[in-house]
Amino acid sequence: MRRREQIISITLHAILLIIVYVFQGMIFPYLRLYGFVPLLLPVVSTGVAVYEGRYAGGTAGIFAGILCDVSMNEPAGVFTVLLALTGLLAGALADTIMTRSFATFVICSAGVLAASAFVQMFPLLFSGGAPAQYLLYNAARQTGYSMLFTFPLWLPVRALGRRRQRMGT
């Protein structure tokens, strides 16, 4: 029975990632705020890490990273590696020293979104194409805009986490 519940849990998380991917790629580009589009997939992978643990978070990070790499004009594998590592780290923090709470989810999401913004601005920072303070300002604005969606994304991620806790796995 446990194997069946794991398959159901993985399937539900995959469906959530695909739904968020569709929203991020097809709906939110039309809801730009000062030219910024929110990043939603890193928030979901962080939520899986916080509520399901480091291994589930790393796995969700790999899949969310692949979807980010496919949908963005970034070098192949950058978001895959970043989100896998941050999923492992956020899951390890939630497994050891932090509680599985909304506050932990928000703190970890802010860190992952800031790291994602840095990855996006990294080539411009070192190619001399833009001043560093301008890039940092824009990274902070994109992170802030994406943080607006932490609560709506927390609801389904937390519901899936509670489902697993109720099953006792």
C-alpha atoms as a PDB file:
ATOM      1  CA  MET A   1       0.000   0.000   0.000  1.00  0.00           C
ATOM      2  CA  ARG A   2       2.857   2.382   0.742  1.00  0.00           C
ATOM      3  CA  ARG A   3       4.227   2.034  -2.787  1.00  0.00           C
ATOM      4  CA  ARG A   4       0.828   2.923  -4.234  1.00  0.00           C
ATOM      5  CA  GLU A   5       0.585   6.038  -2.049  1.00  0.00           C
ATOM      6  CA  GLN A   6       4.073   7.138  -3.133  1.00  0.00           C
ATOM      7  CA  ILE A   7       3.089   6.839  -6.773  1.00  0.00           C
ATOM      8  CA  ILE A   8      -0.059   8.878  -6.119  1.00  0.00           C
ATOM      9  CA  SER A   9       1.967  11.524  -4.274  1.00  0.00           C
ATOM     10  CA  ILE A  10       4.543  11.794  -7.073  1.00  0.00           C
ATOM     11  CA  THR A  11       1.763  12.013  -9.655  1.00  0.00           C
ATOM     12  CA  LEU A  12      -0.012  14.797  -7.746  1.00  0.00           C
ATOM     13  CA  HIS A  13       3.221  16.770  -7.384  1.00  0.00           C
ATOM     14  CA  ALA A  14       3.942  16.328 -11.101  1.00  0.00           C
ATOM     15  CA  ILE A  15       0.455  17.562 -11.983  1.00  0.00           C
ATOM     16  CA  LEU A  16       0.979  20.612  -9.744  1.00  0.00           C
ATOM     17  CA  LEU A  17       4.322  21.362 -11.422  1.00  0.00           C
ATOM     18  CA  ILE A  18       2.767  21.098 -14.880  1.00  0.00           C
ATOM     19  CA  ILE A  19      -0.160  23.352 -13.935  1.00  0.00           C
ATOM     20  CA  VAL A  20       2.222  25.963 -12.512  1.00  0.00           C
ATOM     21  CA  TYR A  21       4.428  25.637 -15.615  1.00  0.00           C
ATOM     22  CA  VAL A  22       1.423  26.377 -17.825  1.00  0.00           C
ATOM     23  CA  PHE A  23       0.514  29.402 -15.709  1.00  0.00           C
ATOM     24  CA  GLN A  24       4.109  30.653 -15.696  1.00  0.00           C
ATOM     25  CA  GLY A  25       4.582  30.197 -19.421  1.00  0.00           C
ATOM     26  CA  MET A  26       1.172  31.047 -20.875  1.00  0.00           C
ATOM     27  CA  ILE A  27      -0.715  33.323 -18.506  1.00  0.00           C
ATOM     28  CA  PHE A  28       1.767  35.343 -16.473  1.00  0.00           C
ATOM     29  CA  PRO A  29       3.710  36.751 -19.452  1.00  0.00           C
ATOM     30  CA  TYR A  30       0.564  38.822 -20.061  1.00  0.00           C
ATOM     31  CA  LEU A  31       0.514  40.013 -16.433  1.00  0.00           C
ATOM     32  CA  ARG A  32       3.830  41.834 -16.443  1.00  0.00           C
ATOM     33  CA  LEU A  33       4.513  44.271 -13.648  1.00  0.00           C
ATOM     34  CA  TYR A  34       7.087  46.878 -14.732  1.00  0.00           C
ATOM     35  CA  GLY A  35       8.308  44.391 -17.326  1.00  0.00           C
ATOM     36  CA  PHE A  36       8.760  41.512 -14.872  1.00  0.00           C
ATOM     37  CA  VAL A  37       7.202  38.069 -15.067  1.00  0.00           C
ATOM     38  CA  PRO A  38       7.022  36.132 -11.788  1.00  0.00           C
ATOM     39  CA  LEU A  39       8.943  32.897 -11.339  1.00  0.00           C
ATOM     40  CA  LEU A  40       6.576  30.315  -9.917  1.00  0.00           C
ATOM     41  CA  LEU A  41       8.305  26.956 -10.411  1.00  0.00           C
ATOM     42  CA  PRO A  42      11.115  27.668  -7.916  1.00  0.00           C
ATOM     43  CA  VAL A  43       8.480  28.457  -5.275  1.00  0.00           C
ATOM     44  CA  VAL A  44       6.701  25.142  -5.857  1.00  0.00           C
ATOM     45  CA  SER A  45       9.910  23.111  -5.747  1.00  0.00           C
ATOM     46  CA  THR A  46      10.838  24.882  -2.507  1.00  0.00           C
ATOM     47  CA  GLY A  47       7.449  24.048  -1.041  1.00  0.00           C
ATOM     48  CA  VAL A  48       7.847  20.394  -1.918  1.00  0.00           C
ATOM     49  CA  ALA A  49      11.258  20.452  -0.231  1.00  0.00           C
ATOM     50  CA  VAL A  50       9.928  22.087   2.929  1.00  0.00           C
ATOM     51  CA  TYR A  51       6.908  19.820   3.333  1.00  0.00           C
ATOM     52  CA  GLU A  52       8.147  16.555   1.840  1.00  0.00           C
ATOM     53  CA  GLY A  53      11.873  16.541   2.666  1.00  0.00           C
ATOM     54  CA  ARG A  54      15.216  16.825   0.934  1.00  0.00           C
ATOM     55  CA  TYR A  55      14.900  13.931  -1.510  1.00  0.00           C
ATOM     56  CA  ALA A  56      11.448  14.895  -2.733  1.00  0.00           C
ATOM     57  CA  GLY A  57      12.616  18.525  -2.866  1.00  0.00           C
ATOM     58  CA  GLY A  58      15.670  17.631  -4.914  1.00  0.00           C
ATOM     59  CA  THR A  59      13.577  15.556  -7.299  1.00  0.00           C
ATOM     60  CA  ALA A  60      10.963  18.295  -7.646  1.00  0.00           C
ATOM     61  CA  GLY A  61      13.821  20.758  -8.153  1.00  0.00           C
ATOM     62  CA  ILE A  62      15.191  18.698 -11.022  1.00  0.00           C
ATOM     63  CA  PHE A  63      11.822  18.595 -12.783  1.00  0.00           C
ATOM     64  CA  ALA A  64      11.036  22.256 -12.064  1.00  0.00           C
ATOM     65  CA  GLY A  65      14.527  23.178 -13.256  1.00  0.00           C
ATOM     66  CA  ILE A  66      14.079  21.275 -16.502  1.00  0.00           C
ATOM     67  CA  LEU A  67      10.788  23.090 -17.080  1.00  0.00           C
ATOM     68  CA  CYS A  68      12.445  26.460 -16.306  1.00  0.00           C
ATOM     69  CA  ASP A  69      15.340  25.687 -18.656  1.00  0.00           C
ATOM     70  CA  VAL A  70      12.881  24.761 -21.397  1.00  0.00           C
ATOM     71  CA  SER A  71      10.771  27.887 -20.971  1.00  0.00           C
ATOM     72  CA  MET A  72      13.526  30.475 -20.450  1.00  0.00           C
ATOM     73  CA  ASN A  73      16.367  31.621 -22.609  1.00  0.00           C
ATOM     74  CA  GLU A  74      19.082  30.407 -20.222  1.00  0.00           C
ATOM     75  CA  PRO A  75      22.013  28.057 -20.765  1.00  0.00           C
ATOM     76  CA  ALA A  76      20.859  24.459 -20.620  1.00  0.00           C
ATOM     77  CA  GLY A  77      20.936  22.926 -17.192  1.00  0.00           C
ATOM     78  CA  VAL A  78      21.464  26.073 -15.119  1.00  0.00           C
ATOM     79  CA  PHE A  79      18.036  26.067 -13.477  1.00  0.00           C
ATOM     80  CA  THR A  80      18.038  22.270 -13.265  1.00  0.00           C
ATOM     81  CA  VAL A  81      21.195  22.297 -11.161  1.00  0.00           C
ATOM     82  CA  LEU A  82      20.158  25.380  -9.153  1.00  0.00           C
ATOM     83  CA  LEU A  83      16.682  24.125  -8.232  1.00  0.00           C
ATOM     84  CA  ALA A  84      17.921  20.604  -7.470  1.00  0.00           C
ATOM     85  CA  LEU A  85      20.544  21.970  -5.072  1.00  0.00           C
ATOM     86  CA  THR A  86      18.180  24.461  -3.449  1.00  0.00           C
ATOM     87  CA  GLY A  87      15.545  21.724  -3.105  1.00  0.00           C
ATOM     88  CA  LEU A  88      18.043  19.522  -1.311  1.00  0.00           C
ATOM     89  CA  LEU A  89      19.151  22.412   0.908  1.00  0.00           C
ATOM     90  CA  ALA A  90      15.638  23.627   1.789  1.00  0.00           C
ATOM     91  CA  GLY A  91      14.545  20.056   2.482  1.00  0.00           C
ATOM     92  CA  ALA A  92      17.579  19.433   4.664  1.00  0.00           C
ATOM     93  CA  LEU A  93      16.874  22.628   6.630  1.00  0.00           C
ATOM     94  CA  ALA A  94      13.232  21.619   7.106  1.00  0.00           C
ATOM     95  CA  ASP A  95      14.278  18.096   8.113  1.00  0.00           C
ATOM     96  CA  THR A  96      16.786  19.270  10.712  1.00  0.00           C
ATOM     97  CA  ILE A  97      16.759  22.798  12.130  1.00  0.00           C
ATOM     98  CA  MET A  98      13.656  24.546  10.803  1.00  0.00           C
ATOM     99  CA  THR A  99       9.993  23.731  11.276  1.00  0.00           C
ATOM    100  CA  ARG A 100       7.700  22.823   8.402  1.00  0.00           C
ATOM    101  CA  SER A 101       5.749  26.064   8.512  1.00  0.00           C
ATOM    102  CA  PHE A 102       4.648  28.934   6.327  1.00  0.00           C
ATOM    103  CA  ALA A 103       7.502  31.076   7.678  1.00  0.00           C
ATOM    104  CA  THR A 104      10.073  28.468   6.641  1.00  0.00           C
ATOM    105  CA  PHE A 105       8.411  28.217   3.237  1.00  0.00           C
ATOM    106  CA  VAL A 106       8.568  32.009   2.760  1.00  0.00           C
ATOM    107  CA  ILE A 107      12.203  32.286   3.907  1.00  0.00           C
ATOM    108  CA  CYS A 108      13.351  29.420   1.683  1.00  0.00           C
ATOM    109  CA  SER A 109      11.299  30.731  -1.263  1.00  0.00           C
ATOM    110  CA  ALA A 110      12.880  34.178  -0.925  1.00  0.00           C
ATOM    111  CA  GLY A 111      16.339  32.612  -0.964  1.00  0.00           C
ATOM    112  CA  VAL A 112      15.590  30.444  -3.991  1.00  0.00           C
ATOM    113  CA  LEU A 113      14.014  33.336  -5.897  1.00  0.00           C
ATOM    114  CA  ALA A 114      16.992  35.586  -5.110  1.00  0.00           C
ATOM    115  CA  ALA A 115      19.359  32.852  -6.324  1.00  0.00           C
ATOM    116  CA  SER A 116      17.252  32.448  -9.476  1.00  0.00           C
ATOM    117  CA  ALA A 117      17.394  36.190 -10.131  1.00  0.00           C
ATOM    118  CA  PHE A 118      21.165  36.125  -9.650  1.00  0.00           C
ATOM    119  CA  VAL A 119      21.494  33.268 -12.145  1.00  0.00           C
ATOM    120  CA  GLN A 120      19.498  35.272 -14.669  1.00  0.00           C
ATOM    121  CA  MET A 121      21.607  38.422 -14.221  1.00  0.00           C
ATOM    122  CA  PHE A 122      24.977  36.626 -13.948  1.00  0.00           C
ATOM    123  CA  PRO A 123      25.898  36.836 -17.663  1.00  0.00           C
ATOM    124  CA  LEU A 124      25.026  40.542 -17.789  1.00  0.00           C
ATOM    125  CA  LEU A 125      26.974  41.244 -14.618  1.00  0.00           C
ATOM    126  CA  PHE A 126      30.250  39.926 -15.976  1.00  0.00           C
ATOM    127  CA  SER A 127      29.891  40.811 -19.635  1.00  0.00           C
ATOM    128  CA  GLY A 128      29.815  44.510 -18.743  1.00  0.00           C
ATOM    129  CA  GLY A 129      26.434  44.993 -20.350  1.00  0.00           C
ATOM    130  CA  ALA A 130      24.772  46.711 -17.396  1.00  0.00           C
ATOM    131  CA  PRO A 131      25.757  48.352 -14.106  1.00  0.00           C
ATOM    132  CA  ALA A 132      25.681  46.067 -11.065  1.00  0.00           C
ATOM    133  CA  GLN A 133      23.354  48.293  -9.019  1.00  0.00           C
ATOM    134  CA  TYR A 134      20.801  48.314 -11.846  1.00  0.00           C
ATOM    135  CA  LEU A 135      20.919  44.511 -12.067  1.00  0.00           C
ATOM    136  CA  LEU A 136      20.594  44.116  -8.295  1.00  0.00           C
ATOM    137  CA  TYR A 137      17.661  46.536  -8.246  1.00  0.00           C
ATOM    138  CA  ASN A 138      15.885  44.581 -10.975  1.00  0.00           C
ATOM    139  CA  ALA A 139      16.681  41.259  -9.280  1.00  0.00           C
ATOM    140  CA  ALA A 140      15.119  42.572  -6.061  1.00  0.00           C
ATOM    141  CA  ARG A 141      12.024  43.750  -7.938  1.00  0.00           C
ATOM    142  CA  GLN A 142      11.577  40.412  -9.712  1.00  0.00           C
ATOM    143  CA  THR A 143      12.074  38.541  -6.437  1.00  0.00           C
ATOM    144  CA  GLY A 144       9.508  40.779  -4.733  1.00  0.00           C
ATOM    145  CA  TYR A 145       6.988  40.315  -7.528  1.00  0.00           C
ATOM    146  CA  SER A 146       7.431  36.542  -7.418  1.00  0.00           C
ATOM    147  CA  MET A 147       7.076  36.564  -3.622  1.00  0.00           C
ATOM    148  CA  LEU A 148       3.524  37.875  -4.042  1.00  0.00           C
ATOM    149  CA  PHE A 149       2.577  34.389  -5.225  1.00  0.00           C
ATOM    150  CA  THR A 150       4.002  32.443  -2.293  1.00  0.00           C
ATOM    151  CA  PHE A 151       0.711  32.277  -0.405  1.00  0.00           C
ATOM    152  CA  PRO A 152      -1.432  31.104  -3.363  1.00  0.00           C
ATOM    153  CA  LEU A 153       1.209  28.471  -4.166  1.00  0.00           C
ATOM    154  CA  TRP A 154       1.607  27.509  -0.510  1.00  0.00           C
ATOM    155  CA  LEU A 155      -2.006  26.322  -0.331  1.00  0.00           C
ATOM    156  CA  PRO A 156      -1.753  23.371  -2.765  1.00  0.00           C
ATOM    157  CA  VAL A 157       1.798  22.483  -1.715  1.00  0.00           C
ATOM    158  CA  ARG A 158       0.771  22.405   1.947  1.00  0.00           C
ATOM    159  CA  ALA A 159      -2.341  20.383   1.112  1.00  0.00           C
ATOM    160  CA  LEU A 160      -0.173  17.740  -0.573  1.00  0.00           C
ATOM    161  CA  GLY A 161       2.160  17.765   2.441  1.00  0.00           C
ATOM    162  CA  ARG A 162      -0.742  17.262   4.826  1.00  0.00           C
ATOM    163  CA  ARG A 163      -2.038  14.437   2.676  1.00  0.00           C
ATOM    164  CA  ARG A 164       1.250  12.634   3.101  1.00  0.00           C
ATOM    165  CA  GLN A 165       1.290  13.290   6.863  1.00  0.00           C
ATOM    166  CA  ARG A 166      -2.219  11.860   7.225  1.00  0.00           C
ATOM    167  CA  MET A 167      -1.116   8.697   5.459  1.00  0.00           C
ATOM    168  CA  GLY A 168       1.801   8.400   7.852  1.00  0.00           C
ATOM    169  CA  THR A 169       4.487   8.030   5.175  1.00  0.00           C
END
